[in-house]
Amino acid sequence: MKKEASVENEVKTISMLDHQNIIRFEAVNWDATYVKKNGTTYQTIAFTMEYAERGNLYEYLDQTGAFSEDVVRTYFKQLIEGKDVWLEIFLSLLF
């Protein structure tokens, strides 16, 4: 039961995140069936997130190689802005 409450809190928190630099939470399936490669299945919880059309930062770095300092500065600024939004929401839930 404690694990379920923890996941419910996580869903509540990520549902509140609304920022251009954070992938949006779309839905949760509390009774999803996961099928392993060998065909066995098990029940789990599945989150549906916004589709990132350009992929993720790791894939972009893997395809382009090292970033210039200007590009790194831009991504770092976006990362910090997203973190600040998350932290603001997280702290508002505590107090």
N, C-alpha and C. Protein backbone atom coordinates (compact mmCIF):
# COMPACT_ATOMS: atom_id res chain seq x y z
N MET A 1 0.82 -1.19 0.00
CA MET A 1 0.00 0.00 0.00
C MET A 1 0.87 1.26 0.00
N LYS A 2 2.00 1.23 0.70
CA LYS A 2 2.88 2.38 0.76
C LYS A 2 3.43 2.71 -0.63
N LYS A 3 3.74 1.66 -1.42
CA LYS A 3 4.26 1.87 -2.77
C LYS A 3 3.21 2.56 -3.64
N GLU A 4 1.95 2.15 -3.53
CA GLU A 4 0.88 2.75 -4.32
C GLU A 4 0.70 4.23 -3.97
N ALA A 5 0.78 4.56 -2.70
CA ALA A 5 0.64 5.96 -2.27
C ALA A 5 1.80 6.78 -2.83
N SER A 6 2.98 6.20 -2.86
CA SER A 6 4.14 6.89 -3.40
C SER A 6 3.95 7.19 -4.88
N VAL A 7 3.45 6.22 -5.63
CA VAL A 7 3.21 6.41 -7.06
C VAL A 7 2.10 7.43 -7.28
N GLU A 8 1.07 7.39 -6.46
CA GLU A 8 -0.01 8.38 -6.57
C GLU A 8 0.53 9.79 -6.34
N ASN A 9 1.42 9.95 -5.38
CA ASN A 9 2.04 11.26 -5.14
C ASN A 9 2.88 11.68 -6.33
N GLU A 10 3.58 10.74 -6.92
CA GLU A 10 4.41 11.04 -8.09
C GLU A 10 3.52 11.50 -9.25
N VAL A 11 2.42 10.81 -9.48
CA VAL A 11 1.48 11.19 -10.54
C VAL A 11 0.93 12.59 -10.28
N LYS A 12 0.58 12.88 -9.04
CA LYS A 12 0.05 14.20 -8.69
C LYS A 12 1.09 15.28 -8.99
N THR A 13 2.34 15.02 -8.61
CA THR A 13 3.40 16.00 -8.81
C THR A 13 3.68 16.23 -10.29
N ILE A 14 3.88 15.16 -11.06
CA ILE A 14 4.24 15.35 -12.46
C ILE A 14 3.06 15.89 -13.28
N SER A 15 1.85 15.67 -12.81
CA SER A 15 0.68 16.22 -13.49
C SER A 15 0.65 17.74 -13.40
N MET A 16 1.28 18.28 -12.38
CA MET A 16 1.27 19.73 -12.16
C MET A 16 2.37 20.44 -12.94
N LEU A 17 3.33 19.71 -13.47
CA LEU A 17 4.45 20.33 -14.19
C LEU A 17 3.98 20.84 -15.54
N ASP A 18 4.19 22.11 -15.79
CA ASP A 18 3.78 22.71 -17.05
C ASP A 18 4.84 23.74 -17.45
N HIS A 19 5.77 23.30 -18.27
CA HIS A 19 6.87 24.18 -18.70
C HIS A 19 7.37 23.68 -20.04
N GLN A 20 7.79 24.61 -20.89
CA GLN A 20 8.24 24.25 -22.24
C GLN A 20 9.45 23.33 -22.24
N ASN A 21 10.23 23.29 -21.16
CA ASN A 21 11.43 22.46 -21.11
C ASN A 21 11.23 21.15 -20.36
N ILE A 22 9.97 20.82 -20.06
CA ILE A 22 9.67 19.57 -19.36
C ILE A 22 8.68 18.77 -20.20
N ILE A 23 9.01 17.52 -20.45
CA ILE A 23 8.10 16.63 -21.18
C ILE A 23 6.81 16.49 -20.36
N ARG A 24 5.68 16.70 -21.01
CA ARG A 24 4.38 16.66 -20.34
C ARG A 24 3.94 15.23 -20.02
N PHE A 25 3.35 15.10 -18.86
CA PHE A 25 2.69 13.86 -18.45
C PHE A 25 1.31 13.84 -19.09
N GLU A 26 0.95 12.73 -19.72
CA GLU A 26 -0.35 12.65 -20.40
C GLU A 26 -1.36 11.77 -19.65
N ALA A 27 -0.93 10.60 -19.20
CA ALA A 27 -1.88 9.67 -18.58
C ALA A 27 -1.13 8.60 -17.79
N VAL A 28 -1.90 7.89 -16.97
CA VAL A 28 -1.35 6.75 -16.24
C VAL A 28 -2.31 5.57 -16.42
N ASN A 29 -1.76 4.40 -16.65
CA ASN A 29 -2.54 3.17 -16.70
C ASN A 29 -2.15 2.36 -15.47
N TRP A 30 -3.05 2.28 -14.51
CA TRP A 30 -2.75 1.63 -13.23
C TRP A 30 -2.73 0.12 -13.35
N ASP A 31 -3.19 -0.42 -14.47
CA ASP A 31 -3.27 -1.88 -14.63
C ASP A 31 -2.76 -2.29 -16.01
N ALA A 32 -1.52 -1.91 -16.32
CA ALA A 32 -0.93 -2.23 -17.62
C ALA A 32 -0.33 -3.62 -17.60
N THR A 33 -0.35 -4.27 -18.74
CA THR A 33 0.29 -5.59 -18.89
C THR A 33 1.54 -5.40 -19.72
N TYR A 34 2.68 -5.79 -19.16
CA TYR A 34 3.96 -5.70 -19.85
C TYR A 34 4.31 -7.08 -20.38
N VAL A 35 4.67 -7.15 -21.66
CA VAL A 35 5.05 -8.41 -22.28
C VAL A 35 6.56 -8.40 -22.50
N LYS A 36 7.24 -9.36 -21.88
CA LYS A 36 8.69 -9.48 -22.05
C LYS A 36 9.00 -10.11 -23.40
N LYS A 37 10.27 -10.04 -23.83
CA LYS A 37 10.68 -10.60 -25.11
C LYS A 37 10.40 -12.10 -25.19
N ASN A 38 10.48 -12.79 -24.04
CA ASN A 38 10.24 -14.23 -24.04
C ASN A 38 8.76 -14.60 -23.99
N GLY A 39 7.89 -13.56 -24.00
CA GLY A 39 6.45 -13.80 -24.04
C GLY A 39 5.77 -13.79 -22.69
N THR A 40 6.52 -13.85 -21.61
CA THR A 40 5.89 -13.80 -20.30
C THR A 40 5.37 -12.39 -20.03
N THR A 41 4.35 -12.31 -19.21
CA THR A 41 3.73 -11.01 -18.92
C THR A 41 3.69 -10.77 -17.42
N TYR A 42 3.60 -9.51 -17.06
CA TYR A 42 3.33 -9.15 -15.67
C TYR A 42 2.60 -7.82 -15.63
N GLN A 43 1.90 -7.60 -14.53
CA GLN A 43 1.13 -6.38 -14.34
C GLN A 43 2.04 -5.29 -13.80
N THR A 44 1.83 -4.08 -14.28
CA THR A 44 2.64 -2.95 -13.85
C THR A 44 1.85 -1.67 -14.01
N ILE A 45 2.45 -0.56 -13.68
CA ILE A 45 1.87 0.76 -13.89
C ILE A 45 2.62 1.40 -15.05
N ALA A 46 1.89 2.01 -15.99
CA ALA A 46 2.54 2.62 -17.16
C ALA A 46 2.16 4.09 -17.25
N PHE A 47 3.18 4.92 -17.44
CA PHE A 47 2.96 6.35 -17.66
C PHE A 47 3.02 6.63 -19.15
N THR A 48 2.16 7.52 -19.62
CA THR A 48 2.23 8.01 -20.98
C THR A 48 2.70 9.45 -20.92
N MET A 49 3.79 9.72 -21.64
CA MET A 49 4.39 11.05 -21.63
C MET A 49 4.27 11.66 -23.03
N GLU A 50 4.43 12.96 -23.10
CA GLU A 50 4.43 13.68 -24.36
C GLU A 50 5.48 13.10 -25.30
N TYR A 51 5.17 13.04 -26.57
CA TYR A 51 6.12 12.57 -27.57
C TYR A 51 7.16 13.64 -27.84
N ALA A 52 8.42 13.28 -27.73
CA ALA A 52 9.52 14.21 -28.02
C ALA A 52 9.96 13.98 -29.46
N GLU A 53 9.44 14.81 -30.35
CA GLU A 53 9.63 14.61 -31.79
C GLU A 53 11.10 14.52 -32.20
N ARG A 54 11.94 15.29 -31.57
CA ARG A 54 13.36 15.29 -31.93
C ARG A 54 14.18 14.29 -31.12
N GLY A 55 13.53 13.46 -30.34
CA GLY A 55 14.25 12.49 -29.52
C GLY A 55 14.72 13.11 -28.22
N ASN A 56 15.62 12.42 -27.56
CA ASN A 56 16.12 12.95 -26.29
C ASN A 56 17.53 13.51 -26.46
N LEU A 57 18.00 14.17 -25.44
CA LEU A 57 19.30 14.83 -25.50
C LEU A 57 20.42 13.84 -25.75
N TYR A 58 20.34 12.66 -25.14
CA TYR A 58 21.39 11.65 -25.34
C TYR A 58 21.48 11.25 -26.82
N GLU A 59 20.32 11.00 -27.44
CA GLU A 59 20.31 10.60 -28.86
C GLU A 59 20.90 11.70 -29.73
N TYR A 60 20.56 12.95 -29.43
CA TYR A 60 21.07 14.08 -30.19
C TYR A 60 22.59 14.19 -30.05
N LEU A 61 23.08 14.03 -28.84
CA LEU A 61 24.52 14.08 -28.59
C LEU A 61 25.22 12.93 -29.29
N ASP A 62 24.61 11.76 -29.26
CA ASP A 62 25.18 10.58 -29.92
C ASP A 62 25.30 10.80 -31.43
N GLN A 63 24.33 11.47 -32.03
CA GLN A 63 24.33 11.70 -33.47
C GLN A 63 25.25 12.84 -33.90
N THR A 64 25.38 13.87 -33.05
CA THR A 64 26.12 15.06 -33.46
C THR A 64 27.54 15.14 -32.91
N GLY A 65 27.83 14.33 -31.91
CA GLY A 65 29.14 14.44 -31.27
C GLY A 65 29.13 15.54 -30.22
N ALA A 66 30.32 15.97 -29.82
CA ALA A 66 30.44 16.97 -28.75
C ALA A 66 29.73 18.27 -29.12
N PHE A 67 29.10 18.89 -28.13
CA PHE A 67 28.42 20.17 -28.32
C PHE A 67 29.41 21.31 -28.12
N SER A 68 29.14 22.41 -28.80
CA SER A 68 29.93 23.62 -28.57
C SER A 68 29.54 24.19 -27.20
N GLU A 69 30.36 25.10 -26.71
CA GLU A 69 30.08 25.71 -25.41
C GLU A 69 28.75 26.48 -25.44
N ASP A 70 28.44 27.14 -26.54
CA ASP A 70 27.17 27.89 -26.65
C ASP A 70 25.97 26.95 -26.57
N VAL A 71 26.06 25.81 -27.24
CA VAL A 71 24.96 24.84 -27.21
C VAL A 71 24.81 24.28 -25.81
N VAL A 72 25.92 23.92 -25.17
CA VAL A 72 25.88 23.40 -23.80
C VAL A 72 25.25 24.43 -22.87
N ARG A 73 25.62 25.68 -23.02
CA ARG A 73 25.07 26.75 -22.18
C ARG A 73 23.55 26.83 -22.36
N THR A 74 23.08 26.73 -23.60
CA THR A 74 21.64 26.78 -23.87
C THR A 74 20.91 25.61 -23.21
N TYR A 75 21.42 24.40 -23.40
CA TYR A 75 20.78 23.22 -22.79
C TYR A 75 20.83 23.28 -21.28
N PHE A 76 21.93 23.74 -20.73
CA PHE A 76 22.05 23.82 -19.28
C PHE A 76 21.04 24.82 -18.72
N LYS A 77 20.87 25.96 -19.39
CA LYS A 77 19.88 26.95 -18.97
C LYS A 77 18.47 26.35 -18.98
N GLN A 78 18.15 25.59 -20.04
CA GLN A 78 16.84 24.96 -20.12
C GLN A 78 16.66 23.92 -19.02
N LEU A 79 17.70 23.18 -18.73
CA LEU A 79 17.66 22.18 -17.67
C LEU A 79 17.40 22.83 -16.32
N ILE A 80 18.10 23.92 -16.04
CA ILE A 80 17.93 24.63 -14.77
C ILE A 80 16.53 25.23 -14.67
N GLU A 81 16.01 25.78 -15.77
CA GLU A 81 14.65 26.33 -15.75
C GLU A 81 13.63 25.24 -15.44
N GLY A 82 13.77 24.08 -16.06
CA GLY A 82 12.87 22.97 -15.79
C GLY A 82 12.97 22.49 -14.36
N LYS A 83 14.20 22.40 -13.84
CA LYS A 83 14.41 21.99 -12.45
C LYS A 83 13.76 22.98 -11.49
N ASP A 84 13.88 24.27 -11.79
CA ASP A 84 13.28 25.29 -10.92
C ASP A 84 11.76 25.14 -10.85
N VAL A 85 11.13 24.85 -11.97
CA VAL A 85 9.68 24.64 -11.99
C VAL A 85 9.32 23.43 -11.15
N TRP A 86 10.05 22.34 -11.33
CA TRP A 86 9.79 21.12 -10.56
C TRP A 86 9.96 21.39 -9.07
N LEU A 87 11.04 22.08 -8.70
CA LEU A 87 11.32 22.36 -7.30
C LEU A 87 10.23 23.25 -6.68
N GLU A 88 9.77 24.23 -7.43
CA GLU A 88 8.71 25.12 -6.93
C GLU A 88 7.45 24.32 -6.62
N ILE A 89 7.08 23.42 -7.51
CA ILE A 89 5.88 22.59 -7.29
C ILE A 89 6.10 21.64 -6.13
N PHE A 90 7.26 21.00 -6.09
CA PHE A 90 7.57 20.05 -5.02
C PHE A 90 7.49 20.74 -3.65
N LEU A 91 8.10 21.91 -3.54
CA LEU A 91 8.08 22.64 -2.27
C LEU A 91 6.69 23.11 -1.90
N SER A 92 5.88 23.46 -2.90
CA SER A 92 4.50 23.89 -2.60
C SER A 92 3.68 22.74 -2.03
N LEU A 93 4.02 21.52 -2.39
CA LEU A 93 3.30 20.36 -1.85
C LEU A 93 3.71 20.06 -0.41
N LEU A 94 4.92 20.46 -0.04
CA LEU A 94 5.40 20.20 1.32
C LEU A 94 4.85 21.20 2.33
N PHE A 95 4.58 22.41 1.87
CA PHE A 95 4.19 23.47 2.83
C PHE A 95 2.80 23.96 2.60
